[in-house]
Amino acid sequence: MTLGSNGTVPEVLLRLQAGDAQAREEFLQEYKPFVWKTAMNLCKRHLEWGASDELSIALIAFNSAIDSYNHEKKVPFLPYARVVIENRLKDYFRKECRIQIECPYDAASDEGTAFSPAEIQSAWNDFRDRTIEDERREELVEYEKLLGNFGIDFESLVEASPKHRDSRETLFRVARLVVSLPDMMESLLKKKQLPINELVLKTGVNRKTLERGRKFIIATALVLFYPMEFPYIRSYINFDAS
């Protein structure tokens, strides 16, 4: 039940919002690492499932974010969910007197209850006004660092990007294949090189096209492989066009 390629994936979330309990449970299990990382980053200490109240509260908040998310606002789900989790944890900390911090939520609300309309609006306002630009910048910085490990910078990536739709779709298809094959993706991450010979055999794309599109394929594969780290970049690109 992974989020789709454009990062907002209304088709997945609408299914969960419509009441598919089994799909929701699978979704929650799949994104527990995201919930854990978000809570850890805020708490600044190690947390363990089953032993840390913060993780239980964060998971409840993530579940509530599924219901309160509105894809018509044209923002990726994961950054929105991150704000919802952080706000719920801040509210928890404030009430527990663990840290002094302002929080937009009503102190009378329980962590286990659904968000009120005011809470939902507060989360959206917080996301729009304080978070989106900072997160976009941070994401681009992290993506640039990751690309640097493969000898790619933004300037060379722009130069290597195909200008024609058919060429882009071909390279998107190759990148999706790389990510779908664990051994190939592991080799790419380890050796920092594309297995051109193997890709020629598996895709039927000629060698010259693959070599010319190497940087574009790698950059695309990394975004697809790390969906939780780069939700904004994913939302900018129509990976499904093929």
C-alpha atoms as a PDB file:
ATOM      1  CA  MET A   1       0.000   0.000   0.000  1.00  0.00           C
ATOM      2  CA  THR A   2       2.883   2.306  -0.878  1.00  0.00           C
ATOM      3  CA  LEU A   3       2.256   5.942  -1.750  1.00  0.00           C
ATOM      4  CA  GLY A   4       2.066   6.469  -5.496  1.00  0.00           C
ATOM      5  CA  SER A   5       4.667   8.110  -7.604  1.00  0.00           C
ATOM      6  CA  ASN A   6       3.463  11.690  -7.446  1.00  0.00           C
ATOM      7  CA  GLY A   7       3.635  11.884  -3.636  1.00  0.00           C
ATOM      8  CA  THR A   8       0.014  12.929  -3.021  1.00  0.00           C
ATOM      9  CA  VAL A   9      -1.691   9.733  -4.261  1.00  0.00           C
ATOM     10  CA  PRO A  10      -5.350  10.549  -3.625  1.00  0.00           C
ATOM     11  CA  GLU A  11      -6.326   7.103  -4.951  1.00  0.00           C
ATOM     12  CA  VAL A  12      -4.569   5.392  -2.038  1.00  0.00           C
ATOM     13  CA  LEU A  13      -5.661   7.776   0.685  1.00  0.00           C
ATOM     14  CA  LEU A  14      -9.227   7.986  -0.578  1.00  0.00           C
ATOM     15  CA  ARG A  15      -9.415   4.218  -0.285  1.00  0.00           C
ATOM     16  CA  LEU A  16      -8.268   4.419   3.331  1.00  0.00           C
ATOM     17  CA  GLN A  17     -10.609   7.303   4.079  1.00  0.00           C
ATOM     18  CA  ALA A  18     -13.486   5.279   2.611  1.00  0.00           C
ATOM     19  CA  GLY A  19     -13.083   2.670   5.358  1.00  0.00           C
ATOM     20  CA  ASP A  20     -10.827  -0.107   4.033  1.00  0.00           C
ATOM     21  CA  ALA A  21      -9.629  -1.312   7.434  1.00  0.00           C
ATOM     22  CA  GLN A  22      -7.209  -3.946   6.167  1.00  0.00           C
ATOM     23  CA  ALA A  23      -5.583  -1.548   3.713  1.00  0.00           C
ATOM     24  CA  ARG A  24      -5.263   1.056   6.470  1.00  0.00           C
ATOM     25  CA  GLU A  25      -3.530  -1.414   8.777  1.00  0.00           C
ATOM     26  CA  GLU A  26      -1.089  -2.343   6.014  1.00  0.00           C
ATOM     27  CA  PHE A  27      -0.462   1.331   5.317  1.00  0.00           C
ATOM     28  CA  LEU A  28       0.190   2.082   8.991  1.00  0.00           C
ATOM     29  CA  GLN A  29       2.619  -0.815   9.256  1.00  0.00           C
ATOM     30  CA  GLU A  30       4.465   0.225   6.108  1.00  0.00           C
ATOM     31  CA  TYR A  31       4.906   3.803   7.291  1.00  0.00           C
ATOM     32  CA  LYS A  32       5.874   3.078  10.884  1.00  0.00           C
ATOM     33  CA  PRO A  33       9.523   3.880   9.993  1.00  0.00           C
ATOM     34  CA  PHE A  34       8.384   7.332   8.852  1.00  0.00           C
ATOM     35  CA  VAL A  35       6.432   7.828  12.092  1.00  0.00           C
ATOM     36  CA  TRP A  36       9.407   6.623  14.140  1.00  0.00           C
ATOM     37  CA  LYS A  37      11.855   8.942  12.351  1.00  0.00           C
ATOM     38  CA  THR A  38       9.541  11.947  12.706  1.00  0.00           C
ATOM     39  CA  ALA A  39       9.071  11.352  16.438  1.00  0.00           C
ATOM     40  CA  MET A  40      12.790  10.718  16.962  1.00  0.00           C
ATOM     41  CA  ASN A  41      13.745  13.951  15.196  1.00  0.00           C
ATOM     42  CA  LEU A  42      11.443  15.941  17.457  1.00  0.00           C
ATOM     43  CA  CYS A  43      12.271  14.145  20.710  1.00  0.00           C
ATOM     44  CA  LYS A  44      16.041  14.128  20.092  1.00  0.00           C
ATOM     45  CA  ARG A  45      16.428  10.739  21.730  1.00  0.00           C
ATOM     46  CA  HIS A  46      16.042   7.061  20.927  1.00  0.00           C
ATOM     47  CA  LEU A  47      12.496   5.703  20.955  1.00  0.00           C
ATOM     48  CA  GLU A  48      11.296   2.106  20.903  1.00  0.00           C
ATOM     49  CA  TRP A  49       7.972   0.673  19.819  1.00  0.00           C
ATOM     50  CA  GLY A  50       6.069  -0.729  22.789  1.00  0.00           C
ATOM     51  CA  ALA A  51       8.215   1.174  25.276  1.00  0.00           C
ATOM     52  CA  SER A  52       7.893   4.852  24.283  1.00  0.00           C
ATOM     53  CA  ASP A  53       4.570   6.664  24.695  1.00  0.00           C
ATOM     54  CA  GLU A  54       5.711   9.189  22.121  1.00  0.00           C
ATOM     55  CA  LEU A  55       5.627   6.568  19.372  1.00  0.00           C
ATOM     56  CA  SER A  56       2.107   5.491  20.253  1.00  0.00           C
ATOM     57  CA  ILE A  57       0.951   9.104  20.168  1.00  0.00           C
ATOM     58  CA  ALA A  58       2.780   9.707  16.892  1.00  0.00           C
ATOM     59  CA  LEU A  59       1.167   6.674  15.256  1.00  0.00           C
ATOM     60  CA  ILE A  60      -2.288   7.788  16.413  1.00  0.00           C
ATOM     61  CA  ALA A  61      -1.596  11.224  14.948  1.00  0.00           C
ATOM     62  CA  PHE A  62      -0.460   9.666  11.665  1.00  0.00           C
ATOM     63  CA  ASN A  63      -3.669   7.640  11.541  1.00  0.00           C
ATOM     64  CA  SER A  64      -5.715  10.784  12.168  1.00  0.00           C
ATOM     65  CA  ALA A  65      -3.762  12.609   9.466  1.00  0.00           C
ATOM     66  CA  ILE A  66      -5.012  10.061   6.958  1.00  0.00           C
ATOM     67  CA  ASP A  67      -8.588  11.117   7.702  1.00  0.00           C
ATOM     68  CA  SER A  68      -7.906  14.852   7.813  1.00  0.00           C
ATOM     69  CA  TYR A  69      -5.744  14.971   4.663  1.00  0.00           C
ATOM     70  CA  ASN A  70      -7.267  16.853   1.730  1.00  0.00           C
ATOM     71  CA  HIS A  71      -5.594  16.085  -1.596  1.00  0.00           C
ATOM     72  CA  GLU A  72      -7.314  19.050  -3.244  1.00  0.00           C
ATOM     73  CA  LYS A  73      -4.868  21.329  -1.423  1.00  0.00           C
ATOM     74  CA  LYS A  74      -2.174  19.989  -3.780  1.00  0.00           C
ATOM     75  CA  VAL A  75       0.481  19.186  -1.199  1.00  0.00           C
ATOM     76  CA  PRO A  76       2.175  15.814  -0.593  1.00  0.00           C
ATOM     77  CA  PHE A  77       0.727  13.687   2.196  1.00  0.00           C
ATOM     78  CA  LEU A  78       3.921  12.843   4.079  1.00  0.00           C
ATOM     79  CA  PRO A  79       5.016  16.427   4.829  1.00  0.00           C
ATOM     80  CA  TYR A  80       1.475  17.161   5.998  1.00  0.00           C
ATOM     81  CA  ALA A  81       1.488  14.053   8.206  1.00  0.00           C
ATOM     82  CA  ARG A  82       4.847  15.116   9.640  1.00  0.00           C
ATOM     83  CA  VAL A  83       3.373  18.437  10.762  1.00  0.00           C
ATOM     84  CA  VAL A  84       0.363  16.693  12.298  1.00  0.00           C
ATOM     85  CA  ILE A  85       2.601  14.293  14.244  1.00  0.00           C
ATOM     86  CA  GLU A  86       4.875  17.070  15.465  1.00  0.00           C
ATOM     87  CA  ASN A  87       1.966  19.223  16.614  1.00  0.00           C
ATOM     88  CA  ARG A  88       0.350  16.336  18.476  1.00  0.00           C
ATOM     89  CA  LEU A  89       3.627  15.492  20.212  1.00  0.00           C
ATOM     90  CA  LYS A  90       4.217  19.123  21.145  1.00  0.00           C
ATOM     91  CA  ASP A  91       0.766  19.185  22.692  1.00  0.00           C
ATOM     92  CA  TYR A  92       1.610  16.023  24.609  1.00  0.00           C
ATOM     93  CA  PHE A  93       4.907  17.484  25.848  1.00  0.00           C
ATOM     94  CA  ARG A  94       3.249  20.701  26.918  1.00  0.00           C
ATOM     95  CA  LYS A  95       0.591  18.908  28.927  1.00  0.00           C
ATOM     96  CA  GLU A  96       3.169  16.633  30.475  1.00  0.00           C
ATOM     97  CA  CYS A  97       5.324  19.665  31.343  1.00  0.00           C
ATOM     98  CA  ARG A  98       8.309  18.036  29.695  1.00  0.00           C
ATOM     99  CA  ILE A  99       9.104  21.066  27.570  1.00  0.00           C
ATOM    100  CA  GLN A 100       7.722  24.584  27.369  1.00  0.00           C
ATOM    101  CA  ILE A 101       6.352  25.147  23.908  1.00  0.00           C
ATOM    102  CA  GLU A 102       3.412  26.801  22.253  1.00  0.00           C
ATOM    103  CA  CYS A 103       1.029  24.488  20.476  1.00  0.00           C
ATOM    104  CA  PRO A 104      -2.017  25.326  18.336  1.00  0.00           C
ATOM    105  CA  TYR A 105      -4.148  22.515  19.731  1.00  0.00           C
ATOM    106  CA  ASP A 106      -6.770  22.594  22.430  1.00  0.00           C
ATOM    107  CA  ALA A 107      -5.305  21.307  25.697  1.00  0.00           C
ATOM    108  CA  ALA A 108      -8.555  19.523  26.494  1.00  0.00           C
ATOM    109  CA  SER A 109      -8.260  17.120  23.547  1.00  0.00           C
ATOM    110  CA  ASP A 110      -7.115  13.514  24.094  1.00  0.00           C
ATOM    111  CA  GLU A 111      -4.318  11.982  22.054  1.00  0.00           C
ATOM    112  CA  GLY A 112      -6.558   9.090  21.103  1.00  0.00           C
ATOM    113  CA  THR A 113      -9.406  11.094  19.637  1.00  0.00           C
ATOM    114  CA  ALA A 114      -9.874  12.344  16.086  1.00  0.00           C
ATOM    115  CA  PHE A 115      -8.885  15.892  15.261  1.00  0.00           C
ATOM    116  CA  SER A 116     -11.468  18.634  15.590  1.00  0.00           C
ATOM    117  CA  PRO A 117     -12.103  20.958  12.610  1.00  0.00           C
ATOM    118  CA  ALA A 118     -10.055  23.623  14.381  1.00  0.00           C
ATOM    119  CA  GLU A 119      -7.144  21.192  14.777  1.00  0.00           C
ATOM    120  CA  ILE A 120      -7.286  20.225  11.113  1.00  0.00           C
ATOM    121  CA  GLN A 121      -7.312  23.856  10.001  1.00  0.00           C
ATOM    122  CA  SER A 122      -4.469  24.644  12.375  1.00  0.00           C
ATOM    123  CA  ALA A 123      -2.398  21.838  10.910  1.00  0.00           C
ATOM    124  CA  TRP A 124      -2.992  23.055   7.370  1.00  0.00           C
ATOM    125  CA  ASN A 125      -2.191  26.643   8.318  1.00  0.00           C
ATOM    126  CA  ASP A 126       0.967  25.532  10.095  1.00  0.00           C
ATOM    127  CA  PHE A 127       1.986  23.481   7.093  1.00  0.00           C
ATOM    128  CA  ARG A 128       1.343  26.301   4.642  1.00  0.00           C
ATOM    129  CA  ASP A 129       2.770  29.203   6.614  1.00  0.00           C
ATOM    130  CA  ARG A 130       5.792  27.795   8.445  1.00  0.00           C
ATOM    131  CA  THR A 131       6.845  24.472   7.043  1.00  0.00           C
ATOM    132  CA  ILE A 132       6.566  24.021   3.320  1.00  0.00           C
ATOM    133  CA  GLU A 133       9.345  26.355   2.172  1.00  0.00           C
ATOM    134  CA  ASP A 134      11.787  25.225   4.858  1.00  0.00           C
ATOM    135  CA  GLU A 135      11.131  21.567   4.095  1.00  0.00           C
ATOM    136  CA  ARG A 136      11.488  22.088   0.368  1.00  0.00           C
ATOM    137  CA  ARG A 137      14.872  23.751   0.869  1.00  0.00           C
ATOM    138  CA  GLU A 138      16.051  21.056   3.261  1.00  0.00           C
ATOM    139  CA  GLU A 139      14.898  18.329   0.884  1.00  0.00           C
ATOM    140  CA  LEU A 140      16.757  19.870  -2.045  1.00  0.00           C
ATOM    141  CA  VAL A 141      19.922  20.168   0.055  1.00  0.00           C
ATOM    142  CA  GLU A 142      19.722  16.488   1.041  1.00  0.00           C
ATOM    143  CA  TYR A 143      18.996  15.451  -2.545  1.00  0.00           C
ATOM    144  CA  GLU A 144      21.968  17.453  -3.802  1.00  0.00           C
ATOM    145  CA  LYS A 145      24.212  15.728  -1.247  1.00  0.00           C
ATOM    146  CA  LEU A 146      22.930  12.311  -2.294  1.00  0.00           C
ATOM    147  CA  LEU A 147      23.459  13.055  -5.978  1.00  0.00           C
ATOM    148  CA  GLY A 148      26.979  14.221  -5.184  1.00  0.00           C
ATOM    149  CA  ASN A 149      27.816  10.701  -4.028  1.00  0.00           C
ATOM    150  CA  PHE A 150      27.147   9.580  -7.594  1.00  0.00           C
ATOM    151  CA  GLY A 151      29.137  12.388  -9.200  1.00  0.00           C
ATOM    152  CA  ILE A 152      26.005  14.302 -10.210  1.00  0.00           C
ATOM    153  CA  ASP A 153      25.190  17.949  -9.574  1.00  0.00           C
ATOM    154  CA  PHE A 154      22.042  19.872 -10.469  1.00  0.00           C
ATOM    155  CA  GLU A 155      23.661  21.645 -13.411  1.00  0.00           C
ATOM    156  CA  SER A 156      24.863  18.449 -15.061  1.00  0.00           C
ATOM    157  CA  LEU A 157      21.518  16.782 -14.311  1.00  0.00           C
ATOM    158  CA  VAL A 158      19.648  19.526 -16.152  1.00  0.00           C
ATOM    159  CA  GLU A 159      22.020  19.186 -19.108  1.00  0.00           C
ATOM    160  CA  ALA A 160      21.537  15.385 -19.150  1.00  0.00           C
ATOM    161  CA  SER A 161      17.744  15.508 -18.863  1.00  0.00           C
ATOM    162  CA  PRO A 162      15.997  14.450 -22.094  1.00  0.00           C
ATOM    163  CA  LYS A 163      14.136  17.193 -23.890  1.00  0.00           C
ATOM    164  CA  HIS A 164      11.570  14.987 -25.638  1.00  0.00           C
ATOM    165  CA  ARG A 165       8.634  13.293 -23.934  1.00  0.00           C
ATOM    166  CA  ASP A 166       9.304   9.875 -25.465  1.00  0.00           C
ATOM    167  CA  SER A 167      12.902   9.917 -24.265  1.00  0.00           C
ATOM    168  CA  ARG A 168      11.859  10.932 -20.739  1.00  0.00           C
ATOM    169  CA  GLU A 169       9.280   8.166 -20.608  1.00  0.00           C
ATOM    170  CA  THR A 170      11.875   5.619 -21.722  1.00  0.00           C
ATOM    171  CA  LEU A 171      14.305   6.686 -19.000  1.00  0.00           C
ATOM    172  CA  PHE A 172      11.525   6.758 -16.374  1.00  0.00           C
ATOM    173  CA  ARG A 173      10.704   3.175 -17.338  1.00  0.00           C
ATOM    174  CA  VAL A 174      14.351   2.169 -16.944  1.00  0.00           C
ATOM    175  CA  ALA A 175      14.592   3.895 -13.552  1.00  0.00           C
ATOM    176  CA  ARG A 176      11.465   2.099 -12.305  1.00  0.00           C
ATOM    177  CA  LEU A 177      12.954  -1.215 -13.422  1.00  0.00           C
ATOM    178  CA  VAL A 178      16.185  -0.506 -11.534  1.00  0.00           C
ATOM    179  CA  VAL A 179      14.264   0.220  -8.321  1.00  0.00           C
ATOM    180  CA  SER A 180      12.059  -2.861  -8.760  1.00  0.00           C
ATOM    181  CA  LEU A 181      15.089  -5.185  -8.848  1.00  0.00           C
ATOM    182  CA  PRO A 182      16.664  -5.333  -5.350  1.00  0.00           C
ATOM    183  CA  ASP A 183      20.002  -6.723  -6.538  1.00  0.00           C
ATOM    184  CA  MET A 184      20.350  -4.065  -9.211  1.00  0.00           C
ATOM    185  CA  MET A 185      19.407  -1.241  -6.858  1.00  0.00           C
ATOM    186  CA  GLU A 186      21.779  -2.534  -4.205  1.00  0.00           C
ATOM    187  CA  SER A 187      24.560  -2.636  -6.792  1.00  0.00           C
ATOM    188  CA  LEU A 188      23.809   0.937  -7.839  1.00  0.00           C
ATOM    189  CA  LEU A 189      23.932   2.193  -4.254  1.00  0.00           C
ATOM    190  CA  LYS A 190      27.147   0.320  -3.536  1.00  0.00           C
ATOM    191  CA  LYS A 191      29.128   0.819  -6.750  1.00  0.00           C
ATOM    192  CA  LYS A 192      27.575   4.174  -7.750  1.00  0.00           C
ATOM    193  CA  GLN A 193      27.291   2.901 -11.330  1.00  0.00           C
ATOM    194  CA  LEU A 194      24.485   1.653 -13.560  1.00  0.00           C
ATOM    195  CA  PRO A 195      24.819  -1.923 -14.865  1.00  0.00           C
ATOM    196  CA  ILE A 196      24.521  -0.822 -18.485  1.00  0.00           C
ATOM    197  CA  ASN A 197      25.021  -4.289 -20.007  1.00  0.00           C
ATOM    198  CA  GLU A 198      22.305  -5.815 -17.862  1.00  0.00           C
ATOM    199  CA  LEU A 199      19.933  -2.948 -18.551  1.00  0.00           C
ATOM    200  CA  VAL A 200      20.394  -3.337 -22.308  1.00  0.00           C
ATOM    201  CA  LEU A 201      19.328  -6.972 -22.003  1.00  0.00           C
ATOM    202  CA  LYS A 202      16.412  -6.365 -19.644  1.00  0.00           C
ATOM    203  CA  THR A 203      14.941  -3.252 -21.266  1.00  0.00           C
ATOM    204  CA  GLY A 204      15.848  -3.493 -24.947  1.00  0.00           C
ATOM    205  CA  VAL A 205      16.947   0.145 -24.796  1.00  0.00           C
ATOM    206  CA  ASN A 206      20.104   0.714 -26.802  1.00  0.00           C
ATOM    207  CA  ARG A 207      23.388   1.306 -25.031  1.00  0.00           C
ATOM    208  CA  LYS A 208      23.883   4.809 -26.371  1.00  0.00           C
ATOM    209  CA  THR A 209      20.532   5.954 -24.925  1.00  0.00           C
ATOM    210  CA  LEU A 210      21.299   4.403 -21.540  1.00  0.00           C
ATOM    211  CA  GLU A 211      24.776   5.891 -21.347  1.00  0.00           C
ATOM    212  CA  ARG A 212      23.525   9.323 -22.403  1.00  0.00           C
ATOM    213  CA  GLY A 213      20.699   9.125 -19.849  1.00  0.00           C
ATOM    214  CA  ARG A 214      22.797   7.642 -17.032  1.00  0.00           C
ATOM    215  CA  LYS A 215      22.596  10.665 -14.716  1.00  0.00           C
ATOM    216  CA  PHE A 216      18.876  11.103 -15.309  1.00  0.00           C
ATOM    217  CA  ILE A 217      18.177   7.415 -14.617  1.00  0.00           C
ATOM    218  CA  ILE A 218      20.207   7.442 -11.406  1.00  0.00           C
ATOM    219  CA  ALA A 219      18.635  10.678 -10.160  1.00  0.00           C
ATOM    220  CA  THR A 220      15.141   9.354 -10.885  1.00  0.00           C
ATOM    221  CA  ALA A 221      15.822   5.962  -9.310  1.00  0.00           C
ATOM    222  CA  LEU A 222      17.028   7.619  -6.097  1.00  0.00           C
ATOM    223  CA  VAL A 223      13.825   9.652  -5.769  1.00  0.00           C
ATOM    224  CA  LEU A 224      11.743   6.528  -6.360  1.00  0.00           C
ATOM    225  CA  PHE A 225      13.815   4.464  -3.925  1.00  0.00           C
ATOM    226  CA  TYR A 226      13.625   7.024  -1.098  1.00  0.00           C
ATOM    227  CA  PRO A 227       9.943   8.113  -1.176  1.00  0.00           C
ATOM    228  CA  MET A 228       9.853   9.248   2.448  1.00  0.00           C
ATOM    229  CA  GLU A 229      12.942  11.413   2.099  1.00  0.00           C
ATOM    230  CA  PHE A 230      11.905  13.255  -1.086  1.00  0.00           C
ATOM    231  CA  PRO A 231       8.102  13.729  -1.153  1.00  0.00           C
ATOM    232  CA  TYR A 232       8.272  17.225  -2.632  1.00  0.00           C
ATOM    233  CA  ILE A 233      10.554  16.236  -5.498  1.00  0.00           C
ATOM    234  CA  ARG A 234       8.312  13.272  -6.251  1.00  0.00           C
ATOM    235  CA  SER A 235       5.290  15.565  -6.352  1.00  0.00           C
ATOM    236  CA  TYR A 236       6.917  17.724  -9.038  1.00  0.00           C
ATOM    237  CA  ILE A 237       7.544  14.868 -11.457  1.00  0.00           C
ATOM    238  CA  ASN A 238       5.023  12.791 -13.381  1.00  0.00           C
ATOM    239  CA  PHE A 239       6.755   9.429 -12.985  1.00  0.00           C
ATOM    240  CA  ASP A 240       3.648   7.620 -14.164  1.00  0.00           C
ATOM    241  CA  ALA A 241       3.762   9.082 -17.652  1.00  0.00           C
ATOM    242  CA  SER A 242       4.696   6.115 -19.802  1.00  0.00           C
END
